[in-house]
Amino acid sequence: LKQKKRQVYTSLVEGVSEAIKTNKDEIKLCEVKYSNSYITVHKDMWSDSLTKAMEYYIENEEYEECSKIKKLIKRL
């Protein structure tokens, strides 16, 4: 489960970063296994989601990721 959390938060950070650059309103976070359906996160939830990701990275002492997340939140 811990590995899945890392994948989800990595996807979130990368997705939001790309969406800001391309002016998108939502990101595809991940695909539901073999279904061609995606879990998406709308722009109005990015800040809260990034805050949760930052908590995860602080807990795991990955401060470089925290720095990226702080910058993304400021850009929202």
PDB file of N, CA and C in Angstrom:
ATOM      1  N   LEU A   1       0.831  -1.201   0.000  1.00  0.00           N
ATOM      2  CA  LEU A   1       0.000   0.000   0.000  1.00  0.00           C
ATOM      3  C   LEU A   1       0.872   1.259   0.000  1.00  0.00           C
ATOM      4  N   LYS A   2       1.979   1.212   0.724  1.00  0.00           N
ATOM      5  CA  LYS A   2       2.851   2.379   0.775  1.00  0.00           C
ATOM      6  C   LYS A   2       3.399   2.723  -0.613  1.00  0.00           C
ATOM      7  N   GLN A   3       3.735   1.706  -1.399  1.00  0.00           N
ATOM      8  CA  GLN A   3       4.235   1.924  -2.756  1.00  0.00           C
ATOM      9  C   GLN A   3       3.152   2.552  -3.637  1.00  0.00           C
ATOM     10  N   LYS A   4       1.922   2.131  -3.477  1.00  0.00           N
ATOM     11  CA  LYS A   4       0.816   2.706  -4.253  1.00  0.00           C
ATOM     12  C   LYS A   4       0.616   4.169  -3.907  1.00  0.00           C
ATOM     13  N   LYS A   5       0.756   4.488  -2.615  1.00  0.00           N
ATOM     14  CA  LYS A   5       0.631   5.884  -2.176  1.00  0.00           C
ATOM     15  C   LYS A   5       1.672   6.747  -2.878  1.00  0.00           C
ATOM     16  N   ARG A   6       2.893   6.265  -2.912  1.00  0.00           N
ATOM     17  CA  ARG A   6       3.973   6.996  -3.576  1.00  0.00           C
ATOM     18  C   ARG A   6       3.638   7.218  -5.046  1.00  0.00           C
ATOM     19  N   GLN A   7       3.129   6.185  -5.721  1.00  0.00           N
ATOM     20  CA  GLN A   7       2.775   6.304  -7.133  1.00  0.00           C
ATOM     21  C   GLN A   7       1.681   7.343  -7.339  1.00  0.00           C
ATOM     22  N   VAL A   8       0.685   7.311  -6.488  1.00  0.00           N
ATOM     23  CA  VAL A   8      -0.433   8.252  -6.615  1.00  0.00           C
ATOM     24  C   VAL A   8       0.046   9.687  -6.386  1.00  0.00           C
ATOM     25  N   TYR A   9       0.833   9.905  -5.340  1.00  0.00           N
ATOM     26  CA  TYR A   9       1.304  11.254  -5.063  1.00  0.00           C
ATOM     27  C   TYR A   9       2.281  11.745  -6.133  1.00  0.00           C
ATOM     28  N   THR A  10       3.109  10.853  -6.660  1.00  0.00           N
ATOM     29  CA  THR A  10       4.006  11.236  -7.752  1.00  0.00           C
ATOM     30  C   THR A  10       3.197  11.636  -8.976  1.00  0.00           C
ATOM     31  N   SER A  11       2.192  10.848  -9.294  1.00  0.00           N
ATOM     32  CA  SER A  11       1.320  11.146 -10.425  1.00  0.00           C
ATOM     33  C   SER A  11       0.595  12.477 -10.222  1.00  0.00           C
ATOM     34  N   LEU A  12       0.157  12.717  -9.006  1.00  0.00           N
ATOM     35  CA  LEU A  12      -0.530  13.967  -8.683  1.00  0.00           C
ATOM     36  C   LEU A  12       0.379  15.173  -8.912  1.00  0.00           C
ATOM     37  N   VAL A  13       1.577  15.128  -8.354  1.00  0.00           N
ATOM     38  CA  VAL A  13       2.511  16.255  -8.471  1.00  0.00           C
ATOM     39  C   VAL A  13       2.872  16.496  -9.938  1.00  0.00           C
ATOM     40  N   GLU A  14       3.185  15.435 -10.661  1.00  0.00           N
ATOM     41  CA  GLU A  14       3.529  15.581 -12.077  1.00  0.00           C
ATOM     42  C   GLU A  14       2.336  16.069 -12.885  1.00  0.00           C
ATOM     43  N   GLY A  15       1.165  15.519 -12.595  1.00  0.00           N
ATOM     44  CA  GLY A  15      -0.046  15.903 -13.320  1.00  0.00           C
ATOM     45  C   GLY A  15      -0.415  17.359 -13.122  1.00  0.00           C
ATOM     46  N   VAL A  16      -0.374  17.815 -11.887  1.00  0.00           N
ATOM     47  CA  VAL A  16      -0.709  19.214 -11.597  1.00  0.00           C
ATOM     48  C   VAL A  16       0.316  20.141 -12.239  1.00  0.00           C
ATOM     49  N   SER A  17       1.569  19.776 -12.154  1.00  0.00           N
ATOM     50  CA  SER A  17       2.622  20.582 -12.761  1.00  0.00           C
ATOM     51  C   SER A  17       2.378  20.745 -14.269  1.00  0.00           C
ATOM     52  N   GLU A  18       2.098  19.639 -14.934  1.00  0.00           N
ATOM     53  CA  GLU A  18       1.837  19.674 -16.382  1.00  0.00           C
ATOM     54  C   GLU A  18       0.556  20.438 -16.697  1.00  0.00           C
ATOM     55  N   ALA A  19      -0.473  20.246 -15.884  1.00  0.00           N
ATOM     56  CA  ALA A  19      -1.753  20.918 -16.113  1.00  0.00           C
ATOM     57  C   ALA A  19      -1.629  22.434 -15.977  1.00  0.00           C
ATOM     58  N   ILE A  20      -0.802  22.880 -15.043  1.00  0.00           N
ATOM     59  CA  ILE A  20      -0.576  24.323 -14.881  1.00  0.00           C
ATOM     60  C   ILE A  20       0.092  24.872 -16.143  1.00  0.00           C
ATOM     61  N   LYS A  21       1.088  24.145 -16.641  1.00  0.00           N
ATOM     62  CA  LYS A  21       1.798  24.582 -17.851  1.00  0.00           C
ATOM     63  C   LYS A  21       0.887  24.637 -19.070  1.00  0.00           C
ATOM     64  N   THR A  22      -0.040  23.693 -19.165  1.00  0.00           N
ATOM     65  CA  THR A  22      -0.897  23.592 -20.349  1.00  0.00           C
ATOM     66  C   THR A  22      -2.294  24.169 -20.134  1.00  0.00           C
ATOM     67  N   ASN A  23      -2.503  24.781 -18.968  1.00  0.00           N
ATOM     68  CA  ASN A  23      -3.771  25.452 -18.659  1.00  0.00           C
ATOM     69  C   ASN A  23      -4.982  24.508 -18.695  1.00  0.00           C
ATOM     70  N   LYS A  24      -4.827  23.332 -18.096  1.00  0.00           N
ATOM     71  CA  LYS A  24      -5.923  22.355 -18.016  1.00  0.00           C
ATOM     72  C   LYS A  24      -6.699  22.554 -16.713  1.00  0.00           C
ATOM     73  N   ASP A  25      -7.936  22.051 -16.695  1.00  0.00           N
ATOM     74  CA  ASP A  25      -8.785  22.175 -15.511  1.00  0.00           C
ATOM     75  C   ASP A  25      -8.869  20.903 -14.680  1.00  0.00           C
ATOM     76  N   GLU A  26      -8.328  19.799 -15.210  1.00  0.00           N
ATOM     77  CA  GLU A  26      -8.320  18.565 -14.440  1.00  0.00           C
ATOM     78  C   GLU A  26      -7.161  17.693 -14.900  1.00  0.00           C
ATOM     79  N   ILE A  27      -6.809  16.751 -14.033  1.00  0.00           N
ATOM     80  CA  ILE A  27      -5.747  15.805 -14.386  1.00  0.00           C
ATOM     81  C   ILE A  27      -6.292  14.388 -14.273  1.00  0.00           C
ATOM     82  N   LYS A  28      -5.707  13.493 -15.052  1.00  0.00           N
ATOM     83  CA  LYS A  28      -5.977  12.063 -14.906  1.00  0.00           C
ATOM     84  C   LYS A  28      -4.949  11.550 -13.911  1.00  0.00           C
ATOM     85  N   LEU A  29      -5.433  11.150 -12.761  1.00  0.00           N
ATOM     86  CA  LEU A  29      -4.534  10.714 -11.701  1.00  0.00           C
ATOM     87  C   LEU A  29      -4.022   9.305 -11.948  1.00  0.00           C
ATOM     88  N   CYS A  30      -4.931   8.399 -12.242  1.00  0.00           N
ATOM     89  CA  CYS A  30      -4.530   7.029 -12.528  1.00  0.00           C
ATOM     90  C   CYS A  30      -5.679   6.294 -13.215  1.00  0.00           C
ATOM     91  N   GLU A  31      -5.308   5.199 -13.873  1.00  0.00           N
ATOM     92  CA  GLU A  31      -6.307   4.386 -14.563  1.00  0.00           C
ATOM     93  C   GLU A  31      -6.824   3.304 -13.619  1.00  0.00           C
ATOM     94  N   VAL A  32      -8.131   3.075 -13.672  1.00  0.00           N
ATOM     95  CA  VAL A  32      -8.713   1.970 -12.932  1.00  0.00           C
ATOM     96  C   VAL A  32      -8.319   0.714 -13.696  1.00  0.00           C
ATOM     97  N   LYS A  33      -7.744  -0.223 -13.007  1.00  0.00           N
ATOM     98  CA  LYS A  33      -7.120  -1.411 -13.592  1.00  0.00           C
ATOM     99  C   LYS A  33      -7.896  -1.991 -14.787  1.00  0.00           C
ATOM    100  N   TYR A  34      -7.247  -1.972 -15.941  1.00  0.00           N
ATOM    101  CA  TYR A  34      -7.738  -2.610 -17.168  1.00  0.00           C
ATOM    102  C   TYR A  34      -9.128  -2.158 -17.612  1.00  0.00           C
ATOM    103  N   SER A  35      -9.541  -0.976 -17.236  1.00  0.00           N
ATOM    104  CA  SER A  35     -10.913  -0.560 -17.557  1.00  0.00           C
ATOM    105  C   SER A  35     -10.982   0.587 -18.553  1.00  0.00           C
ATOM    106  N   ASN A  36      -9.839   1.199 -18.848  1.00  0.00           N
ATOM    107  CA  ASN A  36      -9.798   2.385 -19.693  1.00  0.00           C
ATOM    108  C   ASN A  36     -10.616   3.525 -19.078  1.00  0.00           C
ATOM    109  N   SER A  37     -10.809   3.474 -17.761  1.00  0.00           N
ATOM    110  CA  SER A  37     -11.459   4.541 -17.000  1.00  0.00           C
ATOM    111  C   SER A  37     -10.409   5.151 -16.090  1.00  0.00           C
ATOM    112  N   TYR A  38     -10.535   6.458 -15.857  1.00  0.00           N
ATOM    113  CA  TYR A  38      -9.519   7.162 -15.090  1.00  0.00           C
ATOM    114  C   TYR A  38     -10.111   7.858 -13.882  1.00  0.00           C
ATOM    115  N   ILE A  39      -9.325   7.915 -12.827  1.00  0.00           N
ATOM    116  CA  ILE A  39      -9.666   8.736 -11.671  1.00  0.00           C
ATOM    117  C   ILE A  39      -9.083  10.108 -11.974  1.00  0.00           C
ATOM    118  N   THR A  40      -9.929  11.110 -11.965  1.00  0.00           N
ATOM    119  CA  THR A  40      -9.485  12.466 -12.283  1.00  0.00           C
ATOM    120  C   THR A  40      -9.588  13.358 -11.052  1.00  0.00           C
ATOM    121  N   VAL A  41      -8.796  14.419 -11.073  1.00  0.00           N
ATOM    122  CA  VAL A  41      -8.834  15.408  -9.993  1.00  0.00           C
ATOM    123  C   VAL A  41      -9.054  16.767 -10.645  1.00  0.00           C
ATOM    124  N   HIS A  42     -10.155  17.409 -10.283  1.00  0.00           N
ATOM    125  CA  HIS A  42     -10.485  18.722 -10.834  1.00  0.00           C
ATOM    126  C   HIS A  42      -9.653  19.809 -10.151  1.00  0.00           C
ATOM    127  N   LYS A  43      -9.443  20.880 -10.859  1.00  0.00           N
ATOM    128  CA  LYS A  43      -8.588  21.978 -10.406  1.00  0.00           C
ATOM    129  C   LYS A  43      -8.940  22.481  -9.001  1.00  0.00           C
ATOM    130  N   ASP A  44     -10.216  22.514  -8.666  1.00  0.00           N
ATOM    131  CA  ASP A  44     -10.594  23.042  -7.350  1.00  0.00           C
ATOM    132  C   ASP A  44     -10.168  22.126  -6.193  1.00  0.00           C
ATOM    133  N   MET A  45      -9.686  20.923  -6.514  1.00  0.00           N
ATOM    134  CA  MET A  45      -9.222  19.988  -5.480  1.00  0.00           C
ATOM    135  C   MET A  45      -7.697  19.851  -5.444  1.00  0.00           C
ATOM    136  N   TRP A  46      -7.002  20.516  -6.346  1.00  0.00           N
ATOM    137  CA  TRP A  46      -5.553  20.370  -6.430  1.00  0.00           C
ATOM    138  C   TRP A  46      -4.843  20.806  -5.158  1.00  0.00           C
ATOM    139  N   SER A  47      -5.224  21.946  -4.632  1.00  0.00           N
ATOM    140  CA  SER A  47      -4.542  22.471  -3.449  1.00  0.00           C
ATOM    141  C   SER A  47      -4.655  21.506  -2.267  1.00  0.00           C
ATOM    142  N   ASP A  48      -5.864  21.021  -2.001  1.00  0.00           N
ATOM    143  CA  ASP A  48      -6.064  20.073  -0.901  1.00  0.00           C
ATOM    144  C   ASP A  48      -5.294  18.779  -1.145  1.00  0.00           C
ATOM    145  N   SER A  49      -5.319  18.313  -2.384  1.00  0.00           N
ATOM    146  CA  SER A  49      -4.621  17.073  -2.720  1.00  0.00           C
ATOM    147  C   SER A  49      -3.114  17.240  -2.582  1.00  0.00           C
ATOM    148  N   LEU A  50      -2.601  18.369  -3.026  1.00  0.00           N
ATOM    149  CA  LEU A  50      -1.164  18.622  -2.894  1.00  0.00           C
ATOM    150  C   LEU A  50      -0.751  18.745  -1.432  1.00  0.00           C
ATOM    151  N   THR A  51      -1.614  19.306  -0.609  1.00  0.00           N
ATOM    152  CA  THR A  51      -1.332  19.405   0.827  1.00  0.00           C
ATOM    153  C   THR A  51      -1.211  18.011   1.436  1.00  0.00           C
ATOM    154  N   LYS A  52      -2.097  17.094   1.042  1.00  0.00           N
ATOM    155  CA  LYS A  52      -2.014  15.705   1.519  1.00  0.00           C
ATOM    156  C   LYS A  52      -0.722  15.054   1.038  1.00  0.00           C
ATOM    157  N   ALA A  53      -0.350  15.331  -0.202  1.00  0.00           N
ATOM    158  CA  ALA A  53       0.904  14.786  -0.737  1.00  0.00           C
ATOM    159  C   ALA A  53       2.083  15.317   0.062  1.00  0.00           C
ATOM    160  N   MET A  54       2.047  16.601   0.405  1.00  0.00           N
ATOM    161  CA  MET A  54       3.144  17.187   1.172  1.00  0.00           C
ATOM    162  C   MET A  54       3.254  16.522   2.539  1.00  0.00           C
ATOM    163  N   GLU A  55       2.136  16.237   3.168  1.00  0.00           N
ATOM    164  CA  GLU A  55       2.165  15.542   4.459  1.00  0.00           C
ATOM    165  C   GLU A  55       2.857  14.190   4.316  1.00  0.00           C
ATOM    166  N   TYR A  56       2.553  13.486   3.240  1.00  0.00           N
ATOM    167  CA  TYR A  56       3.187  12.195   2.985  1.00  0.00           C
ATOM    168  C   TYR A  56       4.699  12.353   2.832  1.00  0.00           C
ATOM    169  N   TYR A  57       5.130  13.325   2.025  1.00  0.00           N
ATOM    170  CA  TYR A  57       6.556  13.514   1.782  1.00  0.00           C
ATOM    171  C   TYR A  57       7.293  14.023   3.025  1.00  0.00           C
ATOM    172  N   ILE A  58       6.648  14.822   3.841  1.00  0.00           N
ATOM    173  CA  ILE A  58       7.260  15.257   5.112  1.00  0.00           C
ATOM    174  C   ILE A  58       7.466  14.039   6.011  1.00  0.00           C
ATOM    175  N   GLU A  59       6.436  13.208   6.100  1.00  0.00           N
ATOM    176  CA  GLU A  59       6.501  12.001   6.925  1.00  0.00           C
ATOM    177  C   GLU A  59       7.660  11.094   6.485  1.00  0.00           C
ATOM    178  N   ASN A  60       7.937  11.088   5.189  1.00  0.00           N
ATOM    179  CA  ASN A  60       9.003  10.242   4.645  1.00  0.00           C
ATOM    180  C   ASN A  60      10.310  11.008   4.434  1.00  0.00           C
ATOM    181  N   GLU A  61      10.347  12.228   4.965  1.00  0.00           N
ATOM    182  CA  GLU A  61      11.546  13.076   4.931  1.00  0.00           C
ATOM    183  C   GLU A  61      12.089  13.305   3.519  1.00  0.00           C
ATOM    184  N   GLU A  62      11.163  13.508   2.583  1.00  0.00           N
ATOM    185  CA  GLU A  62      11.540  13.790   1.194  1.00  0.00           C
ATOM    186  C   GLU A  62      11.268  15.275   0.942  1.00  0.00           C
ATOM    187  N   TYR A  63      12.165  16.081   1.444  1.00  0.00           N
ATOM    188  CA  TYR A  63      11.938  17.524   1.473  1.00  0.00           C
ATOM    189  C   TYR A  63      12.068  18.184   0.103  1.00  0.00           C
ATOM    190  N   GLU A  64      12.778  17.553  -0.808  1.00  0.00           N
ATOM    191  CA  GLU A  64      12.880  18.101  -2.163  1.00  0.00           C
ATOM    192  C   GLU A  64      11.498  18.091  -2.838  1.00  0.00           C
ATOM    193  N   GLU A  65      10.750  17.009  -2.622  1.00  0.00           N
ATOM    194  CA  GLU A  65       9.391  16.931  -3.160  1.00  0.00           C
ATOM    195  C   GLU A  65       8.501  17.978  -2.500  1.00  0.00           C
ATOM    196  N   CYS A  66       8.692  18.196  -1.208  1.00  0.00           N
ATOM    197  CA  CYS A  66       7.913  19.208  -0.489  1.00  0.00           C
ATOM    198  C   CYS A  66       8.129  20.585  -1.098  1.00  0.00           C
ATOM    199  N   SER A  67       9.357  20.866  -1.462  1.00  0.00           N
ATOM    200  CA  SER A  67       9.686  22.150  -2.077  1.00  0.00           C
ATOM    201  C   SER A  67       8.951  22.313  -3.406  1.00  0.00           C
ATOM    202  N   LYS A  68       8.924  21.256  -4.213  1.00  0.00           N
ATOM    203  CA  LYS A  68       8.191  21.291  -5.496  1.00  0.00           C
ATOM    204  C   LYS A  68       6.705  21.563  -5.251  1.00  0.00           C
ATOM    205  N   ILE A  69       6.165  20.869  -4.259  1.00  0.00           N
ATOM    206  CA  ILE A  69       4.735  20.992  -3.960  1.00  0.00           C
ATOM    207  C   ILE A  69       4.401  22.403  -3.492  1.00  0.00           C
ATOM    208  N   LYS A  70       5.239  22.969  -2.626  1.00  0.00           N
ATOM    209  CA  LYS A  70       5.009  24.345  -2.153  1.00  0.00           C
ATOM    210  C   LYS A  70       4.939  25.307  -3.334  1.00  0.00           C
ATOM    211  N   LYS A  71       5.859  25.146  -4.284  1.00  0.00           N
ATOM    212  CA  LYS A  71       5.881  26.015  -5.465  1.00  0.00           C
ATOM    213  C   LYS A  71       4.611  25.837  -6.301  1.00  0.00           C
ATOM    214  N   LEU A  72       4.160  24.611  -6.438  1.00  0.00           N
ATOM    215  CA  LEU A  72       2.932  24.357  -7.197  1.00  0.00           C
ATOM    216  C   LEU A  72       1.720  25.002  -6.521  1.00  0.00           C
ATOM    217  N   ILE A  73       1.631  24.857  -5.206  1.00  0.00           N
ATOM    218  CA  ILE A  73       0.496  25.447  -4.474  1.00  0.00           C
ATOM    219  C   ILE A  73       0.488  26.957  -4.655  1.00  0.00           C
ATOM    220  N   LYS A  74       1.662  27.583  -4.608  1.00  0.00           N
ATOM    221  CA  LYS A  74       1.735  29.034  -4.806  1.00  0.00           C
ATOM    222  C   LYS A  74       1.257  29.442  -6.198  1.00  0.00           C
ATOM    223  N   ARG A  75       1.495  28.588  -7.184  1.00  0.00           N
ATOM    224  CA  ARG A  75       1.106  28.902  -8.560  1.00  0.00           C
ATOM    225  C   ARG A  75      -0.383  28.755  -8.806  1.00  0.00           C
ATOM    226  N   LEU A  76      -1.068  28.072  -7.901  1.00  0.00           N
ATOM    227  CA  LEU A  76      -2.517  27.897  -8.053  1.00  0.00           C
ATOM    228  C   LEU A  76      -3.175  29.181  -7.713  1.00  0.00           C
TER     229      LEU A  76
END
